[in-house]
Amino acid sequence: MKGAELSTDVLVNLFKVLSKPDALEIFLLAGEGIENSTYAIEELGFSSKRYYARLRELVDIGFLRKTGGVYRQTPFGSMIYSRLLPAMGRAYDARDRLGLIEEFKGTEIEDEVRNLIEGEIKIPDLVSNKVKILETYEDLAIEAVDLYDSAEESVLLASNYFDVRVMEATFRSIDRGVTNRLIIGKRSLSSKMKNLKMMLSLSFAKTIVNFASDKVNLEEFVRFTEIPYTFCVVDGHLNIIEISNTLNEDFIVALSIDDRDIGEKLTKFFEITWETGEFNSALKILNSLTT
């Protein structure tokens, strides 16, 4: 399974943005949502140029996204805001106690001392086997396929991509009795599914045949609507969150996170988005082939 537990380049970019006091103030203000930038500029005491420059950096790095006219923290940004930044503050305040770890380095109780001190400070386990950074789209696709193949109960996928490998993994999970629901972003439908080369490819044709022959009510399986980012929830706790460039929709990075609280939040967002979706008329023809 590909992916990086720690990427220096990614972390440098993240902390480069957060190291700017102006950006940090805007990021914190967006915790409640920024509905009026004019008011925010006055409250922060920034010039318009300074405010919008920092706001763009926060959006481009994936911390903030404009939804319904309001700048809000993304799930990724919210995790940084609610877990990483407070932990950094606690670690700074407890730096003298953390220094004790060095005194026990190389001894039999080094791990016990480290766990005790870090447990008291409540340092979140953000860089661990529970969180992986997926640096390329290829890493994202492979991780998604692996999670599909490991699914035991359910998979919720909201995607702005149409990847044949992921679709084939979807059918394999359905064959195992895993409950699946899929939201396809309308950008994906218009820019990728209408691509003639893909439509005529053998892999795509095989996917459609499998889809039609599978005993699945497509209207209960797939919806089409606008989605701000690609994400996936497997068995309620295995999650993928993708961060893309808001200007051209290019892939930036994705996170694979094993966390049930995040899974619950993404599931609620999926349900809300599902209700706004529609069942595309073209798939009604395909659905009729299964009945």
Protein backbone atom coordinates (compact mmCIF):
# COMPACT_ATOMS: atom_id res chain seq x y z
CA MET A 1 0.00 0.00 0.00
CA LYS A 2 1.53 3.25 -1.11
CA GLY A 3 1.52 6.57 0.72
CA ALA A 4 3.80 8.48 3.04
CA GLU A 5 3.53 8.69 6.79
CA LEU A 6 5.43 11.96 6.69
CA SER A 7 6.20 14.23 3.76
CA THR A 8 8.73 17.00 4.38
CA ASP A 9 7.55 19.02 1.37
CA VAL A 10 3.92 18.86 2.44
CA LEU A 11 4.68 19.80 6.05
CA VAL A 12 6.94 22.67 4.94
CA ASN A 13 4.09 24.11 2.86
CA LEU A 14 1.58 23.69 5.69
CA PHE A 15 3.73 25.34 8.31
CA LYS A 16 4.87 28.02 5.87
CA VAL A 17 1.28 29.23 5.71
CA LEU A 18 0.58 28.84 9.43
CA SER A 19 3.82 30.60 10.36
CA LYS A 20 2.39 33.86 9.02
CA PRO A 21 0.51 35.65 11.83
CA ASP A 22 -1.94 37.21 9.36
CA ALA A 23 -2.87 33.83 7.87
CA LEU A 24 -3.19 32.27 11.32
CA GLU A 25 -5.60 35.00 12.47
CA ILE A 26 -7.79 34.50 9.38
CA PHE A 27 -7.64 30.71 9.85
CA LEU A 28 -8.78 31.01 13.46
CA LEU A 29 -11.55 33.46 12.54
CA ALA A 30 -12.82 31.01 9.92
CA GLY A 31 -13.45 28.49 12.70
CA GLU A 32 -16.89 30.11 13.02
CA GLY A 33 -17.14 30.92 9.32
CA ILE A 34 -16.36 34.19 7.54
CA GLU A 35 -19.59 35.45 5.96
CA ASN A 36 -18.49 39.02 5.31
CA SER A 37 -14.90 39.72 4.26
CA THR A 38 -15.37 43.47 4.66
CA TYR A 39 -16.29 42.96 8.29
CA ALA A 40 -13.41 40.49 8.75
CA ILE A 41 -10.94 43.02 7.30
CA GLU A 42 -12.15 45.67 9.73
CA GLU A 43 -12.10 43.28 12.68
CA LEU A 44 -8.57 42.09 11.91
CA GLY A 45 -7.26 45.54 10.97
CA PHE A 46 -5.73 44.30 7.71
CA SER A 47 -5.54 46.01 4.35
CA SER A 48 -7.68 44.39 1.63
CA LYS A 49 -4.57 43.32 -0.29
CA ARG A 50 -3.02 41.74 2.80
CA TYR A 51 -6.26 39.98 3.77
CA TYR A 52 -7.03 38.49 0.37
CA ALA A 53 -3.44 37.38 -0.20
CA ARG A 54 -3.44 35.36 3.03
CA LEU A 55 -6.98 34.10 2.43
CA ARG A 56 -5.93 32.75 -0.98
CA GLU A 57 -2.99 30.92 0.59
CA LEU A 58 -5.28 29.26 3.12
CA VAL A 59 -7.69 28.20 0.37
CA ASP A 60 -4.93 26.92 -1.93
CA ILE A 61 -3.31 24.81 0.80
CA GLY A 62 -6.68 23.22 1.61
CA PHE A 63 -7.36 24.77 5.03
CA LEU A 64 -10.38 26.83 3.93
CA ARG A 65 -13.06 26.53 1.25
CA LYS A 66 -15.83 28.90 0.22
CA THR A 67 -19.20 27.20 0.49
CA GLY A 68 -22.49 29.01 0.10
CA GLY A 69 -20.72 32.35 0.16
CA VAL A 70 -19.02 31.59 3.50
CA TYR A 71 -15.35 30.77 4.03
CA ARG A 72 -15.17 27.75 6.33
CA GLN A 73 -12.50 25.35 7.48
CA THR A 74 -12.33 22.15 5.46
CA PRO A 75 -12.35 18.82 7.35
CA PHE A 76 -8.57 18.85 6.98
CA GLY A 77 -8.35 22.45 8.22
CA SER A 78 -10.70 21.65 11.10
CA MET A 79 -8.47 18.78 12.19
CA ILE A 80 -5.45 21.09 12.19
CA TYR A 81 -7.44 23.76 14.05
CA SER A 82 -8.98 21.52 16.70
CA ARG A 83 -6.18 19.01 17.27
CA LEU A 84 -2.76 20.02 16.00
CA LEU A 85 -2.62 23.71 16.98
CA PRO A 86 -3.87 23.20 20.58
CA ALA A 87 -1.45 20.29 20.97
CA MET A 88 1.44 22.47 19.79
CA GLY A 89 0.48 25.07 22.39
CA ARG A 90 0.34 22.45 25.15
CA ALA A 91 3.67 21.02 24.04
CA TYR A 92 5.27 24.47 24.20
CA ASP A 93 3.93 25.08 27.70
CA ALA A 94 5.23 21.65 28.78
CA ARG A 95 8.65 21.90 27.06
CA ASP A 96 10.49 21.51 30.38
CA ARG A 97 8.69 18.23 31.11
CA LEU A 98 9.30 17.05 27.56
CA GLY A 99 12.98 17.64 28.19
CA LEU A 100 12.87 14.81 30.74
CA ILE A 101 12.50 12.34 27.89
CA GLU A 102 16.06 13.10 26.88
CA GLU A 103 17.26 12.18 30.38
CA PHE A 104 15.89 8.65 29.94
CA LYS A 105 16.98 8.17 26.34
CA GLY A 106 18.47 4.73 25.78
CA THR A 107 17.12 3.32 29.04
CA GLU A 108 14.54 0.57 29.46
CA ILE A 109 11.89 3.02 30.60
CA GLU A 110 12.34 5.59 27.80
CA ASP A 111 9.11 4.56 26.07
CA GLU A 112 7.15 4.52 29.33
CA VAL A 113 8.34 8.02 30.23
CA ARG A 114 7.58 9.32 26.75
CA ASN A 115 4.08 7.82 26.73
CA LEU A 116 3.35 9.16 30.21
CA ILE A 117 4.42 12.72 29.43
CA GLU A 118 2.82 12.84 25.97
CA GLY A 119 -0.34 11.33 27.41
CA GLU A 120 -0.56 14.08 30.03
CA ILE A 121 -0.08 16.74 27.37
CA LYS A 122 -2.57 14.95 25.10
CA ILE A 123 -0.43 15.03 22.01
CA PRO A 124 -2.61 13.72 19.13
CA ASP A 125 -1.23 10.83 17.13
CA LEU A 126 -1.39 12.70 13.82
CA VAL A 127 1.75 11.29 12.25
CA SER A 128 1.34 7.57 12.76
CA ASN A 129 -0.02 4.48 11.14
CA LYS A 130 -3.47 6.05 11.63
CA VAL A 131 -2.73 8.97 9.32
CA LYS A 132 -1.06 8.70 5.94
CA ILE A 133 -0.28 11.43 3.47
CA LEU A 134 -1.06 10.45 -0.12
CA GLU A 135 1.10 12.69 -2.28
CA THR A 136 -0.12 11.76 -5.77
CA TYR A 137 -3.41 10.85 -7.40
CA GLU A 138 -1.97 7.39 -8.05
CA ASP A 139 -1.40 6.95 -4.31
CA LEU A 140 -4.98 8.08 -3.70
CA ALA A 141 -6.42 5.59 -6.19
CA ILE A 142 -4.38 2.68 -4.78
CA GLU A 143 -5.37 3.55 -1.21
CA ALA A 144 -9.04 3.74 -2.22
CA VAL A 145 -8.86 0.32 -3.90
CA ASP A 146 -7.15 -1.17 -0.86
CA LEU A 147 -9.81 0.23 1.48
CA TYR A 148 -12.59 -1.06 -0.76
CA ASP A 149 -11.02 -4.51 -0.77
CA SER A 150 -10.78 -4.46 3.04
CA ALA A 151 -14.37 -3.24 3.55
CA GLU A 152 -16.59 -5.49 5.64
CA GLU A 153 -19.82 -3.53 6.10
CA SER A 154 -20.17 -0.29 4.15
CA VAL A 155 -18.51 2.17 1.80
CA LEU A 156 -19.57 5.76 1.16
CA LEU A 157 -17.72 7.47 -1.69
CA ALA A 158 -18.17 11.05 -2.92
CA SER A 159 -15.82 11.58 -5.83
CA ASN A 160 -14.90 14.17 -8.42
CA TYR A 161 -12.91 11.47 -10.20
CA PHE A 162 -14.05 8.52 -12.29
CA ASP A 163 -11.43 5.79 -11.93
CA VAL A 164 -12.08 2.37 -13.47
CA ARG A 165 -9.91 0.67 -10.83
CA VAL A 166 -12.01 2.09 -8.02
CA MET A 167 -15.24 1.15 -9.80
CA GLU A 168 -14.04 -2.45 -10.22
CA ALA A 169 -13.14 -2.52 -6.51
CA THR A 170 -16.68 -1.26 -5.85
CA PHE A 171 -18.17 -4.24 -7.67
CA ARG A 172 -15.90 -6.65 -5.80
CA SER A 173 -17.13 -5.24 -2.49
CA ILE A 174 -20.76 -5.50 -3.64
CA ASP A 175 -20.17 -9.16 -4.50
CA ARG A 176 -19.01 -9.66 -0.90
CA GLY A 177 -22.24 -8.16 0.41
CA VAL A 178 -20.80 -4.76 1.37
CA THR A 179 -23.32 -1.90 1.28
CA ASN A 180 -22.23 0.78 -1.19
CA ARG A 181 -23.39 4.28 -2.03
CA LEU A 182 -21.71 6.58 -4.52
CA ILE A 183 -21.96 10.31 -5.16
CA ILE A 184 -20.37 11.40 -8.43
CA GLY A 185 -19.48 15.08 -8.72
CA LYS A 186 -21.06 16.78 -11.70
CA ARG A 187 -17.62 18.04 -12.75
CA SER A 188 -16.55 14.41 -13.06
CA LEU A 189 -19.64 13.56 -15.07
CA SER A 190 -19.11 16.36 -17.57
CA SER A 191 -15.34 16.30 -17.94
CA LYS A 192 -14.52 12.61 -17.61
CA MET A 193 -17.50 10.36 -18.35
CA LYS A 194 -18.13 12.12 -21.65
CA ASN A 195 -14.56 11.54 -22.74
CA LEU A 196 -14.93 9.44 -25.90
CA LYS A 197 -11.59 7.71 -25.50
CA MET A 198 -12.58 6.43 -22.06
CA MET A 199 -16.06 5.47 -23.21
CA LEU A 200 -14.57 3.28 -25.93
CA SER A 201 -11.88 1.72 -23.79
CA LEU A 202 -12.08 -2.01 -23.02
CA SER A 203 -11.73 -1.42 -19.28
CA PHE A 204 -14.57 1.06 -19.21
CA ALA A 205 -16.81 -1.20 -21.29
CA LYS A 206 -16.08 -4.09 -18.92
CA THR A 207 -16.99 -1.86 -15.98
CA ILE A 208 -20.34 -0.94 -17.49
CA VAL A 209 -21.12 -4.60 -18.27
CA ASN A 210 -20.34 -5.55 -14.68
CA PHE A 211 -22.47 -2.67 -13.47
CA ALA A 212 -25.45 -3.74 -15.58
CA SER A 213 -25.18 -7.41 -14.66
CA ASP A 214 -24.82 -6.78 -10.95
CA LYS A 215 -28.03 -7.08 -8.96
CA VAL A 216 -27.96 -3.51 -7.72
CA ASN A 217 -30.71 -0.91 -7.76
CA LEU A 218 -28.69 1.91 -9.26
CA GLU A 219 -31.12 4.56 -8.03
CA GLU A 220 -30.30 3.52 -4.46
CA PHE A 221 -26.60 3.24 -5.30
CA VAL A 222 -25.57 6.41 -7.13
CA ARG A 223 -26.41 10.13 -7.13
CA PHE A 224 -25.01 13.11 -9.02
CA THR A 225 -24.48 16.53 -7.46
CA GLU A 226 -21.86 19.19 -6.81
CA ILE A 227 -19.32 18.17 -4.16
CA PRO A 228 -16.54 20.41 -2.80
CA TYR A 229 -13.96 17.64 -2.47
CA THR A 230 -13.51 13.91 -2.83
CA PHE A 231 -13.86 11.77 0.29
CA CYS A 232 -14.53 8.19 1.29
CA VAL A 233 -15.72 6.46 4.48
CA VAL A 234 -15.20 2.72 4.88
CA ASP A 235 -16.81 0.80 7.75
CA GLY A 236 -17.41 4.09 9.58
CA HIS A 237 -13.79 4.77 10.54
CA LEU A 238 -11.43 4.43 7.56
CA ASN A 239 -11.47 7.76 5.76
CA ILE A 240 -9.89 9.45 2.77
CA ILE A 241 -10.06 13.23 2.35
CA GLU A 242 -8.68 14.83 -0.81
CA ILE A 243 -7.41 18.40 -1.10
CA SER A 244 -7.47 19.95 -4.57
CA ASN A 245 -6.49 23.26 -6.09
CA THR A 246 -9.58 25.48 -6.06
CA LEU A 247 -8.43 27.33 -9.18
CA ASN A 248 -8.03 24.41 -11.60
CA GLU A 249 -9.22 21.39 -9.56
CA ASP A 250 -5.77 19.76 -9.78
CA PHE A 251 -4.92 17.20 -7.11
CA ILE A 252 -2.72 18.55 -4.31
CA VAL A 253 -2.66 15.91 -1.57
CA ALA A 254 -4.96 13.48 0.25
CA LEU A 255 -5.07 12.10 3.77
CA SER A 256 -5.99 8.56 4.78
CA ILE A 257 -7.21 8.66 8.39
CA ASP A 258 -8.33 5.87 10.69
CA ASP A 259 -10.62 7.79 13.03
CA ARG A 260 -14.25 7.06 13.93
CA ASP A 261 -15.10 10.66 14.95
CA ILE A 262 -13.97 11.95 11.55
CA GLY A 263 -15.89 9.08 9.96
CA GLU A 264 -19.09 10.17 11.71
CA LYS A 265 -18.70 13.77 10.56
CA LEU A 266 -18.01 12.76 6.97
CA THR A 267 -20.95 10.34 7.06
CA LYS A 268 -23.29 13.14 8.14
CA PHE A 269 -21.96 15.34 5.35
CA PHE A 270 -22.42 12.48 2.89
CA GLU A 271 -26.06 12.02 3.94
CA ILE A 272 -26.81 15.73 3.51
CA THR A 273 -25.12 15.78 0.11
CA TRP A 274 -26.88 12.57 -0.97
CA GLU A 275 -30.27 14.18 -0.35
CA THR A 276 -29.39 17.04 -2.71
CA GLY A 277 -28.27 14.67 -5.48
CA GLU A 278 -30.14 13.43 -8.50
CA PHE A 279 -30.32 10.14 -10.36
CA ASN A 280 -29.07 10.79 -13.86
CA SER A 281 -31.51 9.87 -16.64
CA ALA A 282 -28.78 8.13 -18.63
CA LEU A 283 -28.33 5.64 -15.81
CA LYS A 284 -32.05 4.90 -15.73
CA ILE A 285 -31.57 3.03 -18.99
CA LEU A 286 -28.71 1.08 -17.45
CA ASN A 287 -30.80 0.37 -14.36
CA SER A 288 -33.56 -1.12 -16.52
CA LEU A 289 -31.09 -3.73 -17.75
CA THR A 290 -30.72 -5.11 -14.24
CA THR A 291 -34.44 -5.64 -13.64
